[in-house]
Amino acid sequence: IHPTPAAELDILTAGRCDALALQILAQDGARGIFDALAKDY
């Protein structure tokens, strides 16, 4: 997660996608990440 020039705005890019990332995403893998980020944002 990187800060941007805009105050209090951070960015998380997509990164390098592959079959494993899509498989994890299909198994609700992002939900835990979103829940963790929601505590800080």
ModelCIF file with pLDDT and N, C-alpha, C, O atoms, coordinates in Angstrom:
data_MODEL
#
_entry.id   MODEL 
#
_entity.id                         1 
_entity.type                       polymer 
_entity.pdbx_number_of_molecules   1 
#
_entity_poly.entity_id                      1 
_entity_poly.type                           'polypeptide(L)' 
_entity_poly.nstd_linkage                   no 
_entity_poly.nstd_monomer                   no 
_entity_poly.pdbx_seq_one_letter_code       IHPTPAAELDILTAGRCDALALQILAQDGARGIFDALAKDY 
_entity_poly.pdbx_seq_one_letter_code_can   IHPTPAAELDILTAGRCDALALQILAQDGARGIFDALAKDY 
_entity_poly.pdbx_strand_id                 A 
#
loop_
_entity_poly_seq.entity_id 
_entity_poly_seq.num 
_entity_poly_seq.mon_id 
_entity_poly_seq.hetero 
1 1  ILE n 
1 2  HIS n 
1 3  PRO n 
1 4  THR n 
1 5  PRO n 
1 6  ALA n 
1 7  ALA n 
1 8  GLU n 
1 9  LEU n 
1 10 ASP n 
1 11 ILE n 
1 12 LEU n 
1 13 THR n 
1 14 ALA n 
1 15 GLY n 
1 16 ARG n 
1 17 CYS n 
1 18 ASP n 
1 19 ALA n 
1 20 LEU n 
1 21 ALA n 
1 22 LEU n 
1 23 GLN n 
1 24 ILE n 
1 25 LEU n 
1 26 ALA n 
1 27 GLN n 
1 28 ASP n 
1 29 GLY n 
1 30 ALA n 
1 31 ARG n 
1 32 GLY n 
1 33 ILE n 
1 34 PHE n 
1 35 ASP n 
1 36 ALA n 
1 37 LEU n 
1 38 ALA n 
1 39 LYS n 
1 40 ASP n 
1 41 TYR n 
#
_struct_asym.id          A 
_struct_asym.entity_id   1 
#
loop_
_ma_qa_metric.id 
_ma_qa_metric.mode 
_ma_qa_metric.name 
_ma_qa_metric.software_group_id 
_ma_qa_metric.type 
1 global pLDDT . pLDDT 
2 local  pLDDT . pLDDT 
#
_ma_qa_metric_global.metric_id      1 
_ma_qa_metric_global.metric_value   94.51 
_ma_qa_metric_global.model_id       1 
_ma_qa_metric_global.ordinal_id     1 
#
loop_
_ma_qa_metric_local.label_asym_id 
_ma_qa_metric_local.label_comp_id 
_ma_qa_metric_local.label_seq_id 
_ma_qa_metric_local.metric_id 
_ma_qa_metric_local.metric_value 
_ma_qa_metric_local.model_id 
_ma_qa_metric_local.ordinal_id 
A ILE 1  2 97.00 1 1  
A HIS 2  2 97.00 1 2  
A PRO 3  2 97.00 1 3  
A THR 4  2 97.00 1 4  
A PRO 5  2 97.00 1 5  
A ALA 6  2 97.00 1 6  
A ALA 7  2 94.00 1 7  
A GLU 8  2 93.00 1 8  
A LEU 9  2 97.00 1 9  
A ASP 10 2 98.00 1 10 
A ILE 11 2 97.00 1 11 
A LEU 12 2 97.00 1 12 
A THR 13 2 96.00 1 13 
A ALA 14 2 94.00 1 14 
A GLY 15 2 95.00 1 15 
A ARG 16 2 95.00 1 16 
A CYS 17 2 91.00 1 17 
A ASP 18 2 94.00 1 18 
A ALA 19 2 93.00 1 19 
A LEU 20 2 95.00 1 20 
A ALA 21 2 93.00 1 21 
A LEU 22 2 91.00 1 22 
A GLN 23 2 94.00 1 23 
A ILE 24 2 94.00 1 24 
A LEU 25 2 92.00 1 25 
A ALA 26 2 91.00 1 26 
A GLN 27 2 94.00 1 27 
A ASP 28 2 91.00 1 28 
A GLY 29 2 91.00 1 29 
A ALA 30 2 93.00 1 30 
A ARG 31 2 94.00 1 31 
A GLY 32 2 93.00 1 32 
A ILE 33 2 95.00 1 33 
A PHE 34 2 95.00 1 34 
A ASP 35 2 94.00 1 35 
A ALA 36 2 94.00 1 36 
A LEU 37 2 95.00 1 37 
A ALA 38 2 95.00 1 38 
A LYS 39 2 95.00 1 39 
A ASP 40 2 94.00 1 40 
A TYR 41 2 96.00 1 41 
#
loop_
_atom_site.group_PDB 
_atom_site.id 
_atom_site.type_symbol 
_atom_site.label_atom_id 
_atom_site.label_alt_id 
_atom_site.label_comp_id 
_atom_site.label_asym_id 
_atom_site.label_entity_id 
_atom_site.label_seq_id 
_atom_site.pdbx_PDB_ins_code 
_atom_site.Cartn_x 
_atom_site.Cartn_y 
_atom_site.Cartn_z 
_atom_site.occupancy 
_atom_site.B_iso_or_equiv 
_atom_site.pdbx_formal_charge 
_atom_site.auth_seq_id 
_atom_site.auth_comp_id 
_atom_site.auth_asym_id 
_atom_site.auth_atom_id 
_atom_site.pdbx_PDB_model_num 
ATOM 1   N N  . ILE A 1 1  ? 0.860   -1.178  0.000   1.00 97.00 ? 1  ILE A N  1 
ATOM 2   C CA . ILE A 1 1  ? 0.000   0.000   0.000   1.00 97.00 ? 1  ILE A CA 1 
ATOM 3   C C  . ILE A 1 1  ? 0.897   1.228   0.000   1.00 97.00 ? 1  ILE A C  1 
ATOM 4   O O  . ILE A 1 1  ? 1.790   1.364   0.836   1.00 97.00 ? 1  ILE A O  1 
ATOM 5   N N  . HIS A 1 2  ? 0.642   2.122   -0.955  1.00 97.00 ? 2  HIS A N  1 
ATOM 6   C CA . HIS A 1 2  ? 1.507   3.285   -1.128  1.00 97.00 ? 2  HIS A CA 1 
ATOM 7   C C  . HIS A 1 2  ? 0.713   4.581   -1.001  1.00 97.00 ? 2  HIS A C  1 
ATOM 8   O O  . HIS A 1 2  ? -0.427  4.653   -1.460  1.00 97.00 ? 2  HIS A O  1 
ATOM 9   N N  . PRO A 1 3  ? 1.301   5.603   -0.385  1.00 97.00 ? 3  PRO A N  1 
ATOM 10  C CA . PRO A 1 3  ? 0.629   6.903   -0.305  1.00 97.00 ? 3  PRO A CA 1 
ATOM 11  C C  . PRO A 1 3  ? 0.610   7.576   -1.677  1.00 97.00 ? 3  PRO A C  1 
ATOM 12  O O  . PRO A 1 3  ? 1.440   7.287   -2.538  1.00 97.00 ? 3  PRO A O  1 
ATOM 13  N N  . THR A 1 4  ? -0.333  8.459   -1.858  1.00 97.00 ? 4  THR A N  1 
ATOM 14  C CA . THR A 1 4  ? -0.422  9.247   -3.083  1.00 97.00 ? 4  THR A CA 1 
ATOM 15  C C  . THR A 1 4  ? -0.190  10.714  -2.723  1.00 97.00 ? 4  THR A C  1 
ATOM 16  O O  . THR A 1 4  ? -0.159  11.052  -1.540  1.00 97.00 ? 4  THR A O  1 
ATOM 17  N N  . PRO A 1 5  ? -0.028  11.587  -3.709  1.00 97.00 ? 5  PRO A N  1 
ATOM 18  C CA . PRO A 1 5  ? 0.114   13.018  -3.403  1.00 97.00 ? 5  PRO A CA 1 
ATOM 19  C C  . PRO A 1 5  ? -1.122  13.608  -2.727  1.00 97.00 ? 5  PRO A C  1 
ATOM 20  O O  . PRO A 1 5  ? -1.023  14.626  -2.041  1.00 97.00 ? 5  PRO A O  1 
ATOM 21  N N  . ALA A 1 6  ? -2.282  12.983  -2.912  1.00 97.00 ? 6  ALA A N  1 
ATOM 22  C CA . ALA A 1 6  ? -3.511  13.466  -2.269  1.00 97.00 ? 6  ALA A CA 1 
ATOM 23  C C  . ALA A 1 6  ? -3.481  13.105  -0.782  1.00 97.00 ? 6  ALA A C  1 
ATOM 24  O O  . ALA A 1 6  ? -3.113  11.990  -0.413  1.00 97.00 ? 6  ALA A O  1 
ATOM 25  N N  . ALA A 1 7  ? -3.858  14.029  0.036   1.00 94.00 ? 7  ALA A N  1 
ATOM 26  C CA . ALA A 1 7  ? -3.841  13.812  1.486   1.00 94.00 ? 7  ALA A CA 1 
ATOM 27  C C  . ALA A 1 7  ? -4.759  12.667  1.870   1.00 94.00 ? 7  ALA A C  1 
ATOM 28  O O  . ALA A 1 7  ? -5.897  12.593  1.406   1.00 94.00 ? 7  ALA A O  1 
ATOM 29  N N  . GLU A 1 8  ? -4.268  11.774  2.717   1.00 93.00 ? 8  GLU A N  1 
ATOM 30  C CA . GLU A 1 8  ? -5.025  10.660  3.268   1.00 93.00 ? 8  GLU A CA 1 
ATOM 31  C C  . GLU A 1 8  ? -5.613  9.723   2.207   1.00 93.00 ? 8  GLU A C  1 
ATOM 32  O O  . GLU A 1 8  ? -6.682  9.146   2.406   1.00 93.00 ? 8  GLU A O  1 
ATOM 33  N N  . LEU A 1 9  ? -4.917  9.578   1.098   1.00 97.00 ? 9  LEU A N  1 
ATOM 34  C CA . LEU A 1 9  ? -5.345  8.662   0.043   1.00 97.00 ? 9  LEU A CA 1 
ATOM 35  C C  . LEU A 1 9  ? -4.183  7.736   -0.280  1.00 97.00 ? 9  LEU A C  1 
ATOM 36  O O  . LEU A 1 9  ? -3.122  8.179   -0.720  1.00 97.00 ? 9  LEU A O  1 
ATOM 37  N N  . ASP A 1 10 ? -4.397  6.451   -0.058  1.00 98.00 ? 10 ASP A N  1 
ATOM 38  C CA . ASP A 1 10 ? -3.387  5.446   -0.368  1.00 98.00 ? 10 ASP A CA 1 
ATOM 39  C C  . ASP A 1 10 ? -3.886  4.591   -1.526  1.00 98.00 ? 10 ASP A C  1 
ATOM 40  O O  . ASP A 1 10 ? -5.079  4.578   -1.829  1.00 98.00 ? 10 ASP A O  1 
ATOM 41  N N  . ILE A 1 11 ? -2.969  3.879   -2.167  1.00 97.00 ? 11 ILE A N  1 
ATOM 42  C CA . ILE A 1 11 ? -3.337  3.045   -3.308  1.00 97.00 ? 11 ILE A CA 1 
ATOM 43  C C  . ILE A 1 11 ? -2.735  1.650   -3.160  1.00 97.00 ? 11 ILE A C  1 
ATOM 44  O O  . ILE A 1 11 ? -1.609  1.477   -2.693  1.00 97.00 ? 11 ILE A O  1 
ATOM 45  N N  . LEU A 1 12 ? -3.513  0.680   -3.567  1.00 97.00 ? 12 LEU A N  1 
ATOM 46  C CA . LEU A 1 12 ? -3.076  -0.713  -3.633  1.00 97.00 ? 12 LEU A CA 1 
ATOM 47  C C  . LEU A 1 12 ? -3.319  -1.156  -5.069  1.00 97.00 ? 12 LEU A C  1 
ATOM 48  O O  . LEU A 1 12 ? -4.467  -1.269  -5.497  1.00 97.00 ? 12 LEU A O  1 
ATOM 49  N N  . THR A 1 13 ? -2.258  -1.407  -5.811  1.00 96.00 ? 13 THR A N  1 
ATOM 50  C CA . THR A 1 13 ? -2.396  -1.797  -7.212  1.00 96.00 ? 13 THR A CA 1 
ATOM 51  C C  . THR A 1 13 ? -2.751  -3.280  -7.331  1.00 96.00 ? 13 THR A C  1 
ATOM 52  O O  . THR A 1 13 ? -2.788  -3.998  -6.332  1.00 96.00 ? 13 THR A O  1 
ATOM 53  N N  . ALA A 1 14 ? -3.004  -3.722  -8.533  1.00 94.00 ? 14 ALA A N  1 
ATOM 54  C CA . ALA A 1 14 ? -3.390  -5.111  -8.764  1.00 94.00 ? 14 ALA A CA 1 
ATOM 55  C C  . ALA A 1 14 ? -2.235  -6.079  -8.549  1.00 94.00 ? 14 ALA A C  1 
ATOM 56  O O  . ALA A 1 14 ? -2.444  -7.187  -8.054  1.00 94.00 ? 14 ALA A O  1 
ATOM 57  N N  . GLY A 1 15 ? -1.044  -5.686  -8.906  1.00 95.00 ? 15 GLY A N  1 
ATOM 58  C CA . GLY A 1 15 ? 0.082   -6.600  -8.815  1.00 95.00 ? 15 GLY A CA 1 
ATOM 59  C C  . GLY A 1 15 ? 0.145   -7.520  -10.015 1.00 95.00 ? 15 GLY A C  1 
ATOM 60  O O  . GLY A 1 15 ? -0.487  -7.253  -11.038 1.00 95.00 ? 15 GLY A O  1 
ATOM 61  N N  . ARG A 1 16 ? 0.899   -8.600  -9.902  1.00 95.00 ? 16 ARG A N  1 
ATOM 62  C CA . ARG A 1 16 ? 1.085   -9.549  -11.008 1.00 95.00 ? 16 ARG A CA 1 
ATOM 63  C C  . ARG A 1 16 ? 0.089   -10.701 -10.863 1.00 95.00 ? 16 ARG A C  1 
ATOM 64  O O  . ARG A 1 16 ? 0.208   -11.534 -9.965  1.00 95.00 ? 16 ARG A O  1 
ATOM 65  N N  . CYS A 1 17 ? -0.878  -10.728 -11.750 1.00 91.00 ? 17 CYS A N  1 
ATOM 66  C CA . CYS A 1 17 ? -1.929  -11.746 -11.692 1.00 91.00 ? 17 CYS A CA 1 
ATOM 67  C C  . CYS A 1 17 ? -1.452  -13.053 -12.318 1.00 91.00 ? 17 CYS A C  1 
ATOM 68  O O  . CYS A 1 17 ? -0.730  -13.054 -13.315 1.00 91.00 ? 17 CYS A O  1 
ATOM 69  N N  . ASP A 1 18 ? -1.863  -14.146 -11.723 1.00 94.00 ? 18 ASP A N  1 
ATOM 70  C CA . ASP A 1 18 ? -1.598  -15.466 -12.282 1.00 94.00 ? 18 ASP A CA 1 
ATOM 71  C C  . ASP A 1 18 ? -2.742  -16.394 -11.889 1.00 94.00 ? 18 ASP A C  1 
ATOM 72  O O  . ASP A 1 18 ? -3.681  -15.982 -11.208 1.00 94.00 ? 18 ASP A O  1 
ATOM 73  N N  . ALA A 1 19 ? -2.658  -17.637 -12.319 1.00 93.00 ? 19 ALA A N  1 
ATOM 74  C CA . ALA A 1 19 ? -3.737  -18.598 -12.063 1.00 93.00 ? 19 ALA A CA 1 
ATOM 75  C C  . ALA A 1 19 ? -3.956  -18.833 -10.575 1.00 93.00 ? 19 ALA A C  1 
ATOM 76  O O  . ALA A 1 19 ? -5.095  -19.012 -10.145 1.00 93.00 ? 19 ALA A O  1 
ATOM 77  N N  . LEU A 1 20 ? -2.889  -18.837 -9.778  1.00 95.00 ? 20 LEU A N  1 
ATOM 78  C CA . LEU A 1 20 ? -3.032  -19.067 -8.342  1.00 95.00 ? 20 LEU A CA 1 
ATOM 79  C C  . LEU A 1 20 ? -3.790  -17.922 -7.679  1.00 95.00 ? 20 LEU A C  1 
ATOM 80  O O  . LEU A 1 20 ? -4.657  -18.158 -6.838  1.00 95.00 ? 20 LEU A O  1 
ATOM 81  N N  . ALA A 1 21 ? -3.473  -16.693 -8.049  1.00 93.00 ? 21 ALA A N  1 
ATOM 82  C CA . ALA A 1 21 ? -4.177  -15.543 -7.482  1.00 93.00 ? 21 ALA A CA 1 
ATOM 83  C C  . ALA A 1 21 ? -5.662  -15.598 -7.829  1.00 93.00 ? 21 ALA A C  1 
ATOM 84  O O  . ALA A 1 21 ? -6.505  -15.309 -6.980  1.00 93.00 ? 21 ALA A O  1 
ATOM 85  N N  . LEU A 1 22 ? -5.988  -15.963 -9.063  1.00 91.00 ? 22 LEU A N  1 
ATOM 86  C CA . LEU A 1 22 ? -7.399  -16.072 -9.455  1.00 91.00 ? 22 LEU A CA 1 
ATOM 87  C C  . LEU A 1 22 ? -8.099  -17.200 -8.712  1.00 91.00 ? 22 LEU A C  1 
ATOM 88  O O  . LEU A 1 22 ? -9.270  -17.076 -8.354  1.00 91.00 ? 22 LEU A O  1 
ATOM 89  N N  . GLN A 1 23 ? -7.392  -18.293 -8.480  1.00 94.00 ? 23 GLN A N  1 
ATOM 90  C CA . GLN A 1 23 ? -7.978  -19.409 -7.731  1.00 94.00 ? 23 GLN A CA 1 
ATOM 91  C C  . GLN A 1 23 ? -8.281  -18.985 -6.291  1.00 94.00 ? 23 GLN A C  1 
ATOM 92  O O  . GLN A 1 23 ? -9.348  -19.299 -5.764  1.00 94.00 ? 23 GLN A O  1 
ATOM 93  N N  . ILE A 1 24 ? -7.363  -18.287 -5.669  1.00 94.00 ? 24 ILE A N  1 
ATOM 94  C CA . ILE A 1 24 ? -7.573  -17.807 -4.302  1.00 94.00 ? 24 ILE A CA 1 
ATOM 95  C C  . ILE A 1 24 ? -8.713  -16.799 -4.269  1.00 94.00 ? 24 ILE A C  1 
ATOM 96  O O  . ILE A 1 24 ? -9.533  -16.808 -3.350  1.00 94.00 ? 24 ILE A O  1 
ATOM 97  N N  . LEU A 1 25 ? -8.762  -15.933 -5.270  1.00 92.00 ? 25 LEU A N  1 
ATOM 98  C CA . LEU A 1 25 ? -9.835  -14.957 -5.372  1.00 92.00 ? 25 LEU A CA 1 
ATOM 99  C C  . LEU A 1 25 ? -11.185 -15.660 -5.512  1.00 92.00 ? 25 LEU A C  1 
ATOM 100 O O  . LEU A 1 25 ? -12.169 -15.222 -4.917  1.00 92.00 ? 25 LEU A O  1 
ATOM 101 N N  . ALA A 1 26 ? -11.246 -16.725 -6.276  1.00 91.00 ? 26 ALA A N  1 
ATOM 102 C CA . ALA A 1 26 ? -12.487 -17.472 -6.465  1.00 91.00 ? 26 ALA A CA 1 
ATOM 103 C C  . ALA A 1 26 ? -12.954 -18.148 -5.184  1.00 91.00 ? 26 ALA A C  1 
ATOM 104 O O  . ALA A 1 26 ? -14.133 -18.478 -5.053  1.00 91.00 ? 26 ALA A O  1 
ATOM 105 N N  . GLN A 1 27 ? -12.052 -18.356 -4.246  1.00 94.00 ? 27 GLN A N  1 
ATOM 106 C CA . GLN A 1 27 ? -12.390 -18.996 -2.970  1.00 94.00 ? 27 GLN A CA 1 
ATOM 107 C C  . GLN A 1 27 ? -12.578 -17.965 -1.865  1.00 94.00 ? 27 GLN A C  1 
ATOM 108 O O  . GLN A 1 27 ? -12.315 -18.254 -0.697  1.00 94.00 ? 27 GLN A O  1 
ATOM 109 N N  . ASP A 1 28 ? -13.030 -16.770 -2.221  1.00 91.00 ? 28 ASP A N  1 
ATOM 110 C CA . ASP A 1 28 ? -13.282 -15.675 -1.268  1.00 91.00 ? 28 ASP A CA 1 
ATOM 111 C C  . ASP A 1 28 ? -12.007 -15.188 -0.589  1.00 91.00 ? 28 ASP A C  1 
ATOM 112 O O  . ASP A 1 28 ? -12.058 -14.709 0.544   1.00 91.00 ? 28 ASP A O  1 
ATOM 113 N N  . GLY A 1 29 ? -10.873 -15.302 -1.258  1.00 91.00 ? 29 GLY A N  1 
ATOM 114 C CA . GLY A 1 29 ? -9.598  -14.889 -0.674  1.00 91.00 ? 29 GLY A CA 1 
ATOM 115 C C  . GLY A 1 29 ? -9.466  -13.406 -0.419  1.00 91.00 ? 29 GLY A C  1 
ATOM 116 O O  . GLY A 1 29 ? -8.681  -13.001 0.438   1.00 91.00 ? 29 GLY A O  1 
ATOM 117 N N  . ALA A 1 30 ? -10.207 -12.586 -1.136  1.00 93.00 ? 30 ALA A N  1 
ATOM 118 C CA . ALA A 1 30 ? -10.097 -11.136 -0.951  1.00 93.00 ? 30 ALA A CA 1 
ATOM 119 C C  . ALA A 1 30 ? -10.900 -10.641 0.243   1.00 93.00 ? 30 ALA A C  1 
ATOM 120 O O  . ALA A 1 30 ? -10.622 -9.565  0.772   1.00 93.00 ? 30 ALA A O  1 
ATOM 121 N N  . ARG A 1 31 ? -11.870 -11.396 0.664   1.00 94.00 ? 31 ARG A N  1 
ATOM 122 C CA . ARG A 1 31 ? -12.740 -10.939 1.762   1.00 94.00 ? 31 ARG A CA 1 
ATOM 123 C C  . ARG A 1 31 ? -11.933 -10.637 3.030   1.00 94.00 ? 31 ARG A C  1 
ATOM 124 O O  . ARG A 1 31 ? -12.155 -9.617  3.682   1.00 94.00 ? 31 ARG A O  1 
ATOM 125 N N  . GLY A 1 32 ? -11.019 -11.507 3.367   1.00 93.00 ? 32 GLY A N  1 
ATOM 126 C CA . GLY A 1 32 ? -10.187 -11.281 4.554   1.00 93.00 ? 32 GLY A CA 1 
ATOM 127 C C  . GLY A 1 32 ? -9.295  -10.059 4.408   1.00 93.00 ? 32 GLY A C  1 
ATOM 128 O O  . GLY A 1 32 ? -9.066  -9.330  5.373   1.00 93.00 ? 32 GLY A O  1 
ATOM 129 N N  . ILE A 1 33 ? -8.796  -9.840  3.210   1.00 95.00 ? 33 ILE A N  1 
ATOM 130 C CA . ILE A 1 33 ? -7.962  -8.659  2.953   1.00 95.00 ? 33 ILE A CA 1 
ATOM 131 C C  . ILE A 1 33 ? -8.800  -7.396  3.103   1.00 95.00 ? 33 ILE A C  1 
ATOM 132 O O  . ILE A 1 33 ? -8.367  -6.435  3.737   1.00 95.00 ? 33 ILE A O  1 
ATOM 133 N N  . PHE A 1 34 ? -9.996  -7.393  2.523   1.00 95.00 ? 34 PHE A N  1 
ATOM 134 C CA . PHE A 1 34 ? -10.879 -6.228  2.644   1.00 95.00 ? 34 PHE A CA 1 
ATOM 135 C C  . PHE A 1 34 ? -11.262 -5.976  4.103   1.00 95.00 ? 34 PHE A C  1 
ATOM 136 O O  . PHE A 1 34 ? -11.305 -4.828  4.545   1.00 95.00 ? 34 PHE A O  1 
ATOM 137 N N  . ASP A 1 35 ? -11.538 -7.040  4.845   1.00 94.00 ? 35 ASP A N  1 
ATOM 138 C CA . ASP A 1 35 ? -11.888 -6.887  6.259   1.00 94.00 ? 35 ASP A CA 1 
ATOM 139 C C  . ASP A 1 35 ? -10.730 -6.268  7.045   1.00 94.00 ? 35 ASP A C  1 
ATOM 140 O O  . ASP A 1 35 ? -10.944 -5.398  7.889   1.00 94.00 ? 35 ASP A O  1 
ATOM 141 N N  . ALA A 1 36 ? -9.516  -6.714  6.768   1.00 94.00 ? 36 ALA A N  1 
ATOM 142 C CA . ALA A 1 36 ? -8.345  -6.172  7.464   1.00 94.00 ? 36 ALA A CA 1 
ATOM 143 C C  . ALA A 1 36 ? -8.121  -4.709  7.089   1.00 94.00 ? 36 ALA A C  1 
ATOM 144 O O  . ALA A 1 36 ? -7.802  -3.891  7.952   1.00 94.00 ? 36 ALA A O  1 
ATOM 145 N N  . LEU A 1 37 ? -8.282  -4.375  5.820   1.00 95.00 ? 37 LEU A N  1 
ATOM 146 C CA . LEU A 1 37 ? -8.084  -2.989  5.389   1.00 95.00 ? 37 LEU A CA 1 
ATOM 147 C C  . LEU A 1 37 ? -9.164  -2.061  5.939   1.00 95.00 ? 37 LEU A C  1 
ATOM 148 O O  . LEU A 1 37 ? -8.900  -0.889  6.210   1.00 95.00 ? 37 LEU A O  1 
ATOM 149 N N  . ALA A 1 38 ? -10.373 -2.582  6.103   1.00 95.00 ? 38 ALA A N  1 
ATOM 150 C CA . ALA A 1 38 ? -11.478 -1.765  6.618   1.00 95.00 ? 38 ALA A CA 1 
ATOM 151 C C  . ALA A 1 38 ? -11.227 -1.298  8.050   1.00 95.00 ? 38 ALA A C  1 
ATOM 152 O O  . ALA A 1 38 ? -11.823 -0.316  8.493   1.00 95.00 ? 38 ALA A O  1 
ATOM 153 N N  . LYS A 1 39 ? -10.363 -1.984  8.766   1.00 95.00 ? 39 LYS A N  1 
ATOM 154 C CA . LYS A 1 39 ? -10.034 -1.564  10.129  1.00 95.00 ? 39 LYS A CA 1 
ATOM 155 C C  . LYS A 1 39 ? -9.158  -0.315  10.137  1.00 95.00 ? 39 LYS A C  1 
ATOM 156 O O  . LYS A 1 39 ? -9.167  0.448   11.103  1.00 95.00 ? 39 LYS A O  1 
ATOM 157 N N  . ASP A 1 40 ? -8.401  -0.108  9.060   1.00 94.00 ? 40 ASP A N  1 
ATOM 158 C CA . ASP A 1 40 ? -7.474  1.021   8.988   1.00 94.00 ? 40 ASP A CA 1 
ATOM 159 C C  . ASP A 1 40 ? -7.964  2.172   8.127   1.00 94.00 ? 40 ASP A C  1 
ATOM 160 O O  . ASP A 1 40 ? -7.407  3.269   8.186   1.00 94.00 ? 40 ASP A O  1 
ATOM 161 N N  . TYR A 1 41 ? -8.993  1.941   7.332   1.00 96.00 ? 41 TYR A N  1 
ATOM 162 C CA . TYR A 1 41 ? -9.465  2.959   6.397   1.00 96.00 ? 41 TYR A CA 1 
ATOM 163 C C  . TYR A 1 41 ? -10.959 3.198   6.571   1.00 96.00 ? 41 TYR A C  1 
ATOM 164 O O  . TYR A 1 41 ? -11.538 4.025   5.867   1.00 96.00 ? 41 TYR A O  1 
#
